[in-house]
Amino acid sequence: MSKSVKRVVKNSFFHTFGALGISGLNFLLSLAYGRYLDPEKFGSLATAQNTVILWSIFVDLGLTHALIGALTTAEGDKFDGSRQGFRGRDLVFRVLGIRLVGAMVGAAILVSWYWRWKTEDPIFFWQGLAFVPYLFALAFQQTAFGFAVFRGQQGLAAFAQWLGAFFAISLTLFLLLSGAEVRTLLLAQSWGGFLTAILIFAVLYWQSTEKKRHGISRRFEKKKDGPWGKVAWGTLAKEAWPYAITFAVFVIWQRADQIAVSQFLGMSAAGQYAMAVRMTTIPLLFATSISFALFPDLQRVGRDAPEKVTKIISILLKLLWRFGILLSALIVFAVIFLITPLLPKFQSAMNVLPFFIPGVWAFWIQSFLVNSFFGVKKYKAVVFVHLISLILFVSFLFPLTYWIGIYGSIISFNVFCLSMAGVGIFFAKREKILPANFKIYAAFTPEEKREIQSSLPFLQKNVTPS
């Protein structure tokens, strides 16, 4: 197995392990919500969460990936002299400052939005604002997480994220079992990111001081300014804008449907839909964790040998075409079989889960395509893919949800994922990330088969055409 494949497998393991752990905790919390809250209360809780998370577009701003990209670019400079004055923490502090400002903007918008209900419905007012601390926790958590991933500390990032989620969700479960109100549950669930950030920054700071104490440092001298200090803002902006747009698109896709269902169909239907969507996160997290783990390596490959990206993505897409739909279906039906007896009040949510399968499969495909665009810095193409898919999604979402209810939102979900995959392949061929004659259903080339057999020998029989 090649060194790069080993690194991706290791990083994917850490990200998948961490994501599975957090998903497992959230899964337990969702089960508890389903047992102790009726669909209407669960719908109001999920809608309040989604309303706040919608404004996380002002917090993320594409800065997690931009931080990795900027640090990778600085690391790749061939001349040590040009790195003098560059310190990773300088960029980290810039990113954190921008995100905190974004969190304050989002919080101000939410306060203004809910202020009208302060007198006439104070319970709804405080419930709407109870999850706002999440924006500030996200600012710290995502900044620390991105820095840790760049430093190769995937294990630390995964463990810290899991620990923060564990304490926040444990507190929320305790309050839920104690009969706490929805606003109290939202407040308890909002702060876990702070603990994640504290742990990551503390460990990285300790490691830095240990290196300095032993005389291990790549910098010749300490400077606040320098070539990278002077252009840090420009570098972040150059790296961040496409991620900011794509993140905003994904947030709107993930949150607008919940808001649409609550507005058109009421909180009880919103609760059923929210439970169904939370069940789909189980298969989705596999693609998210693996593709994010692959991202730093694609950045380096795209910087040093862009032609290798074509081989990597071509193999991944063909594998997903062959095995993705079956695997996504197996996971979804396993969830239905195991969860339905535990949540009798959410039978409607379980009944609609199979209709998400096409979207789940397409989501896996598009997640690797998107990372390939970023790996070779084809920013305009990836932005076009996201915006086209968002336009189609919004065009379907509101009229279909109004006319045919929850099934309209599910159709919109699938339309977004399928368009991301289809339009993504079109632009990938146009930008020469994939060969012009690439067909996702085509047989593996001899070179691709050799790569798969050397890296994943258990697939040897499955990649040989009959």
Foldseek 3Di string as FASTA:
>chain_A
DDPLLVLLVVQLVLLLVLLVLLLVLVVVLLLLCLVQPFLLQLLLLLLLVLLLLLLLLQQPLQQLQLLLLLVVVLVPDPDLQQCALPDSVLLLVVSLVSNVVSLVVSLVVQLVVLVVCCPVPVVSSLLSNLQSLLSNLCSLQSSLLSVCVSVVNSNLNSVLLSVLSVQLSVVLSVCSVVVHHSSVSSNSRRRSSNSSNVSSVVVVVVVVVVCVVVPHDSHPDHDNDGNCNVCVVVSSVLLRNLSSLLVSLVSCLLRVLLVLQCVQPNSSLSSLQVSLSSLLVVLLSSLVSSLVSCQSVLQVCLVPPLLVLQLVLLLQLLVLVVCVLVVLQVSLVVCLVPCCVSNVSNVVSNVCNVLLSLLSSLSSSLSNLLSSCSSNVVSVLSSVLSVVLSVQLVVQRNVQCNPPNPVSSSVSSNSSSNSSNVSSVVVCCVVVSYPVPRDSNDADDPVSLVVCCVSPVVCNVVRDDD
